[in-house]
Amino acid sequence: MRVMLRISLVVTMLGMLLSASSGSAQEDRAKVLVGKWEGTVEWAGGAGSAGLGDPNRTLIIESVTQKDGKWVGTGKYGITGKGLGKVDIEIEDSGNRTAITFATSPTTAVRLSLTGPKELTGTTTLPATIGRTTQARGNDRPLKLEKKD
């Protein structure tokens, strides 16, 4: 009976330690995300091609918190030096991979993965106009951001 009690106690303590270290790892990733990120969108045919505008982008992640068991963030995103709009950021952490997603309009979304301590890589999905309708599928453009501070 005493042995079972000790085993139960050890298992409980291990569970608590693993839970705490997992939470700590997620908090560390959250700290990595907060800050200013700058980079470029690659337009079809090269950055800035076909008059699509300025490829330079800035993302400022102001805060990362846990809400209802999920990680979320707040920040600003837009064309570097031309004003940034508020964004609500969804954060997915699957152990060894952290990804963020946010919308810049009803038809434009940004999806990025933390590929290094100072590198976010992914895509921005731009709306495509077909006839008189706007669609957001099949119009992904590569986006890479580097942490500046």
Protein backbone atom coordinates (compact mmCIF):
# COMPACT_ATOMS: atom_id res chain seq x y z
CA MET A 1 0.00 0.00 0.00
CA ARG A 2 2.82 2.36 0.90
CA VAL A 3 4.59 1.62 -2.37
CA MET A 4 1.42 2.46 -4.34
CA LEU A 5 1.09 5.73 -2.46
CA ARG A 6 4.70 6.66 -3.28
CA ILE A 7 4.25 5.74 -6.94
CA SER A 8 1.09 7.83 -7.10
CA LEU A 9 2.89 10.77 -5.50
CA VAL A 10 5.84 10.48 -7.92
CA VAL A 11 3.51 10.28 -10.94
CA THR A 12 1.58 13.34 -9.73
CA MET A 13 4.80 15.32 -9.21
CA LEU A 14 6.11 14.34 -12.64
CA GLY A 15 2.85 15.45 -14.21
CA MET A 16 3.06 18.79 -12.46
CA LEU A 17 6.68 19.28 -13.55
CA LEU A 18 5.91 18.41 -17.17
CA SER A 19 2.92 20.72 -17.17
CA ALA A 20 4.98 23.56 -15.73
CA SER A 21 7.84 23.07 -18.22
CA SER A 22 5.37 22.93 -21.12
CA GLY A 23 3.77 26.18 -19.97
CA SER A 24 7.21 27.73 -19.54
CA ALA A 25 8.17 26.73 -23.10
CA GLN A 26 4.98 28.33 -24.41
CA GLU A 27 5.66 31.48 -22.40
CA ASP A 28 9.21 31.59 -23.84
CA ARG A 29 7.80 31.39 -27.36
CA ALA A 30 5.36 34.15 -26.50
CA LYS A 31 8.25 36.35 -25.38
CA VAL A 32 10.06 35.62 -28.66
CA LEU A 33 7.03 36.83 -30.65
CA VAL A 34 6.59 40.21 -28.94
CA GLY A 35 8.41 42.97 -30.79
CA LYS A 36 8.87 44.61 -34.17
CA TRP A 37 9.17 42.46 -37.31
CA GLU A 38 10.02 43.75 -40.78
CA GLY A 39 10.30 42.11 -44.18
CA THR A 40 8.79 41.79 -47.63
CA VAL A 41 5.98 40.21 -49.59
CA GLU A 42 7.07 38.55 -52.84
CA TRP A 43 4.71 39.58 -55.61
CA ALA A 44 4.34 37.27 -58.61
CA GLY A 45 7.37 37.94 -60.82
CA GLY A 46 9.39 39.52 -58.00
CA ALA A 47 9.08 42.08 -55.24
CA GLY A 48 7.21 45.20 -56.34
CA SER A 49 6.49 43.85 -59.82
CA ALA A 50 3.61 44.80 -62.08
CA GLY A 51 2.84 47.92 -60.09
CA LEU A 52 1.43 45.91 -57.18
CA GLY A 53 2.82 48.39 -54.73
CA ASP A 54 5.32 48.48 -51.93
CA PRO A 55 6.39 44.99 -50.83
CA ASN A 56 7.79 46.15 -47.47
CA ARG A 57 5.79 45.05 -44.43
CA THR A 58 5.94 45.65 -40.68
CA LEU A 59 4.32 43.61 -37.93
CA ILE A 60 4.45 44.84 -34.36
CA ILE A 61 3.32 42.25 -31.84
CA GLU A 62 2.43 44.24 -28.75
CA SER A 63 1.27 41.48 -26.42
CA VAL A 64 0.77 37.75 -26.18
CA THR A 65 -1.55 36.28 -23.55
CA GLN A 66 -3.42 33.12 -22.81
CA LYS A 67 -7.20 33.47 -23.09
CA ASP A 68 -9.65 30.62 -22.56
CA GLY A 69 -6.80 28.11 -22.87
CA LYS A 70 -5.55 29.54 -26.17
CA TRP A 71 -2.67 31.88 -26.94
CA VAL A 72 -3.64 35.15 -28.62
CA GLY A 73 -1.87 38.37 -29.41
CA THR A 74 -2.53 41.95 -30.32
CA GLY A 75 -0.55 44.05 -32.70
CA LYS A 76 -0.33 46.23 -35.79
CA TYR A 77 0.48 45.30 -39.38
CA GLY A 78 0.84 47.09 -42.67
CA ILE A 79 3.12 48.66 -45.26
CA THR A 80 6.35 49.82 -43.65
CA GLY A 81 6.32 53.57 -43.05
CA LYS A 82 2.77 54.05 -44.32
CA GLY A 83 0.61 53.39 -41.28
CA LEU A 84 -0.26 50.16 -39.55
CA GLY A 85 -3.69 48.72 -38.79
CA LYS A 86 -4.69 46.87 -35.63
CA VAL A 87 -4.68 43.05 -35.86
CA ASP A 88 -5.84 40.30 -33.53
CA ILE A 89 -3.42 37.38 -33.72
CA GLU A 90 -4.19 33.70 -33.22
CA ILE A 91 -1.20 31.68 -32.01
CA GLU A 92 -0.86 27.93 -32.45
CA ASP A 93 1.85 26.07 -30.61
CA SER A 94 2.29 22.43 -31.51
CA GLY A 95 5.31 21.64 -29.36
CA ASN A 96 8.21 22.41 -31.68
CA ARG A 97 6.36 24.76 -34.04
CA THR A 98 4.74 28.12 -33.37
CA ALA A 99 2.45 29.65 -35.99
CA ILE A 100 0.48 32.88 -36.06
CA THR A 101 -2.53 33.89 -38.14
CA PHE A 102 -4.32 37.21 -38.51
CA ALA A 103 -6.64 38.96 -40.93
CA THR A 104 -5.94 42.38 -42.37
CA SER A 105 -9.35 42.59 -44.07
CA PRO A 106 -12.31 40.24 -44.61
CA THR A 107 -10.54 38.74 -47.65
CA THR A 108 -6.86 39.05 -46.71
CA ALA A 109 -5.11 36.77 -44.23
CA VAL A 110 -1.53 36.34 -43.07
CA ARG A 111 -0.15 32.98 -41.90
CA LEU A 112 3.38 32.81 -40.51
CA SER A 113 5.51 30.21 -38.74
CA LEU A 114 8.35 30.95 -36.36
CA THR A 115 11.22 29.37 -38.30
CA GLY A 116 13.98 30.79 -36.13
CA PRO A 117 14.26 32.97 -33.02
CA LYS A 118 14.17 36.06 -35.25
CA GLU A 119 12.39 34.77 -38.37
CA LEU A 120 8.73 34.44 -39.35
CA THR A 121 8.02 32.83 -42.71
CA GLY A 122 4.73 32.16 -44.44
CA THR A 123 2.17 33.66 -46.79
CA THR A 124 -0.29 36.46 -47.20
CA THR A 125 -3.47 35.60 -49.09
CA LEU A 126 -4.61 38.51 -51.22
CA PRO A 127 -8.06 38.95 -52.71
CA ALA A 128 -8.43 38.18 -56.40
CA THR A 129 -11.10 39.90 -58.44
CA ILE A 130 -12.85 37.65 -60.90
CA GLY A 131 -15.57 39.46 -62.80
CA ARG A 132 -17.48 41.44 -60.18
CA THR A 133 -16.64 39.20 -57.22
CA THR A 134 -13.66 39.22 -54.90
CA GLN A 135 -12.21 35.88 -53.88
CA ALA A 136 -9.33 35.07 -51.52
CA ARG A 137 -8.29 31.67 -52.80
CA GLY A 138 -5.29 30.79 -54.89
CA ASN A 139 -3.63 34.12 -54.33
CA ASP A 140 -0.97 33.31 -51.73
CA ARG A 141 2.22 35.37 -51.77
CA PRO A 142 5.37 34.46 -49.79
CA LEU A 143 6.08 36.71 -46.83
CA LYS A 144 9.21 36.73 -44.70
CA LEU A 145 9.76 38.90 -41.62
CA GLU A 146 12.80 39.36 -39.39
CA LYS A 147 12.69 40.58 -35.79
CA LYS A 148 14.21 44.01 -35.36
CA ASP A 149 13.86 44.49 -31.60
